[in-house]
Amino acid sequence: MKSYRKELTIHTPTRRAYINITGEVEKCLRESGIKEGLVLVNAMNITASVFINDDESGLHADFEKWLEKLAPEKPHSQYAHNGFEDNADAHLKRQIMGREVVVAVTNGKLDFGTWEQIFYGEYDGKRDKRVLIKIIGE
């Protein structure tokens, strides 16, 4: 069995963002030479997420509205976590959207369903964050 590991660094100019990282994951898969196996992609920061969904701007706007209803950023005083930091909402948004995805690799390609893409979700941006790509297989 072979193993491949790479970290991506993502820096968003905004507090929140959704970035399609499918191309980066596919590039790593090609570099790995693995034809059959699994890809793990996970956010290595507790205020960011990795998830699978459709790459459609209206849906991304819906994520933003839905998450703001569930865990509004302001007022910061509504959260016990906030004090030194003001990012309690980002922790909660990450909890909802998830930490990682696992995708099957078949014949050297990501084995996706219709419209599926891999996204990085940022909820407390404006600084460098890491994403781990780990691929195992033959």
Protein backbone atom coordinates (compact mmCIF):
# COMPACT_ATOMS: atom_id res chain seq x y z
CA MET A 1 0.00 0.00 0.00
CA LYS A 2 1.22 3.51 -0.84
CA SER A 3 0.67 6.68 1.15
CA TYR A 4 0.80 10.34 0.07
CA ARG A 5 0.50 13.48 2.21
CA LYS A 6 0.35 17.15 1.30
CA GLU A 7 -0.76 20.31 3.09
CA LEU A 8 -2.40 23.23 1.34
CA THR A 9 -2.19 26.72 2.80
CA ILE A 10 -5.29 28.84 2.31
CA HIS A 11 -5.55 32.53 3.10
CA THR A 12 -8.85 34.31 2.53
CA PRO A 13 -9.13 38.11 2.46
CA THR A 14 -12.58 37.88 4.07
CA ARG A 15 -13.83 36.44 7.35
CA ARG A 16 -15.98 33.84 5.55
CA ALA A 17 -15.49 32.15 2.19
CA TYR A 18 -16.18 28.95 0.24
CA ILE A 19 -13.38 27.73 -2.02
CA ASN A 20 -13.58 24.81 -4.45
CA ILE A 21 -10.42 22.77 -3.83
CA THR A 22 -11.34 19.81 -6.05
CA GLY A 23 -8.65 20.69 -8.60
CA GLU A 24 -5.96 20.75 -5.91
CA VAL A 25 -7.08 17.36 -4.61
CA GLU A 26 -7.09 15.91 -8.15
CA LYS A 27 -3.56 17.26 -8.68
CA CYS A 28 -2.42 15.52 -5.50
CA LEU A 29 -4.06 12.29 -6.63
CA ARG A 30 -2.13 12.42 -9.92
CA GLU A 31 1.12 13.15 -8.02
CA SER A 32 0.50 10.20 -5.70
CA GLY A 33 0.22 7.65 -8.50
CA ILE A 34 -2.48 5.85 -6.52
CA LYS A 35 -5.18 4.27 -8.70
CA GLU A 36 -7.38 2.53 -6.10
CA GLY A 37 -7.85 3.74 -2.54
CA LEU A 38 -9.14 6.61 -0.45
CA VAL A 39 -8.52 10.35 -0.18
CA LEU A 40 -8.97 12.14 3.14
CA VAL A 41 -9.22 15.92 3.01
CA ASN A 42 -9.52 17.77 6.31
CA ALA A 43 -9.34 21.27 7.67
CA MET A 44 -6.53 21.59 10.17
CA ASN A 45 -8.06 24.54 11.97
CA ILE A 46 -11.09 24.54 14.28
CA THR A 47 -12.76 27.48 12.54
CA ALA A 48 -12.72 26.03 9.01
CA SER A 49 -14.37 23.04 7.34
CA VAL A 50 -14.10 20.72 4.37
CA PHE A 51 -17.29 19.39 2.80
CA ILE A 52 -18.75 18.04 -0.43
CA ASN A 53 -21.52 19.78 -2.33
CA ASP A 54 -22.44 21.46 -5.61
CA ASP A 55 -20.39 24.37 -6.98
CA GLU A 56 -23.29 26.77 -7.40
CA SER A 57 -23.13 30.38 -6.21
CA GLY A 58 -26.78 30.50 -5.10
CA LEU A 59 -26.19 27.47 -2.89
CA HIS A 60 -23.11 29.11 -1.37
CA ALA A 61 -25.19 32.20 -0.57
CA ASP A 62 -27.79 29.88 1.01
CA PHE A 63 -25.06 28.30 3.19
CA GLU A 64 -24.10 31.76 4.39
CA LYS A 65 -27.68 32.80 5.25
CA TRP A 66 -28.47 29.45 6.91
CA LEU A 67 -25.29 29.42 9.00
CA GLU A 68 -25.82 33.03 10.10
CA LYS A 69 -29.30 32.10 11.34
CA LEU A 70 -27.95 29.12 13.28
CA ALA A 71 -24.81 30.80 14.64
CA PRO A 72 -24.85 34.56 14.05
CA GLU A 73 -21.53 36.35 14.27
CA LYS A 74 -22.90 39.29 16.25
CA PRO A 75 -23.45 40.32 18.91
CA HIS A 76 -20.17 38.84 20.07
CA SER A 77 -21.40 39.08 23.67
CA GLN A 78 -23.93 36.27 23.10
CA TYR A 79 -21.17 33.65 23.33
CA ALA A 80 -19.33 32.49 26.45
CA HIS A 81 -16.27 31.64 24.31
CA ASN A 82 -15.82 35.22 23.14
CA GLY A 83 -13.56 37.37 25.25
CA PHE A 84 -10.00 37.31 23.98
CA GLU A 85 -11.34 36.25 20.56
CA ASP A 86 -14.58 37.00 18.74
CA ASN A 87 -14.92 33.76 16.78
CA ALA A 88 -17.33 31.54 18.71
CA ASP A 89 -19.70 31.61 15.73
CA ALA A 90 -16.89 30.26 13.51
CA HIS A 91 -16.40 27.27 15.82
CA LEU A 92 -20.13 26.51 15.67
CA LYS A 93 -20.31 26.91 11.88
CA ARG A 94 -17.41 24.47 11.50
CA GLN A 95 -19.21 21.99 13.74
CA ILE A 96 -22.25 22.13 11.45
CA MET A 97 -20.37 21.95 8.12
CA GLY A 98 -17.89 19.28 9.19
CA ARG A 99 -14.17 18.75 9.52
CA GLU A 100 -13.33 16.38 6.67
CA VAL A 101 -14.38 14.29 3.71
CA VAL A 102 -13.29 10.88 2.47
CA VAL A 103 -13.60 10.12 -1.24
CA ALA A 104 -13.05 6.79 -2.96
CA VAL A 105 -10.39 6.59 -5.68
CA THR A 106 -11.31 4.37 -8.62
CA ASN A 107 -9.16 3.99 -11.72
CA GLY A 108 -7.02 6.96 -10.59
CA LYS A 109 -9.97 9.36 -10.30
CA LEU A 110 -12.10 10.76 -7.48
CA ASP A 111 -15.24 8.61 -7.46
CA PHE A 112 -17.86 11.36 -7.14
CA GLY A 113 -21.61 11.41 -7.54
CA THR A 114 -23.27 13.89 -9.87
CA TRP A 115 -22.20 17.51 -9.24
CA GLU A 116 -20.06 16.62 -6.21
CA GLN A 117 -17.06 18.86 -5.53
CA ILE A 118 -14.79 19.34 -2.51
CA PHE A 119 -14.95 22.70 -0.72
CA TYR A 120 -12.99 24.49 1.93
CA GLY A 121 -15.26 26.57 4.16
CA GLU A 122 -13.69 29.48 6.02
CA TYR A 123 -15.50 31.05 8.98
CA ASP A 124 -12.75 33.12 10.64
CA GLY A 125 -10.39 34.07 7.82
CA LYS A 126 -7.83 36.74 7.04
CA ARG A 127 -4.93 34.50 8.08
CA ASP A 128 -3.17 31.36 6.88
CA LYS A 129 -4.94 28.06 7.49
CA ARG A 130 -3.98 24.51 6.52
CA VAL A 131 -5.80 21.70 4.75
CA LEU A 132 -4.45 18.15 4.87
CA ILE A 133 -4.71 15.83 1.88
CA LYS A 134 -3.88 12.20 2.72
CA ILE A 135 -4.17 9.50 0.07
CA ILE A 136 -3.74 5.78 0.70
CA GLY A 137 -4.08 2.86 -1.66
CA GLU A 138 -2.44 0.96 -4.48
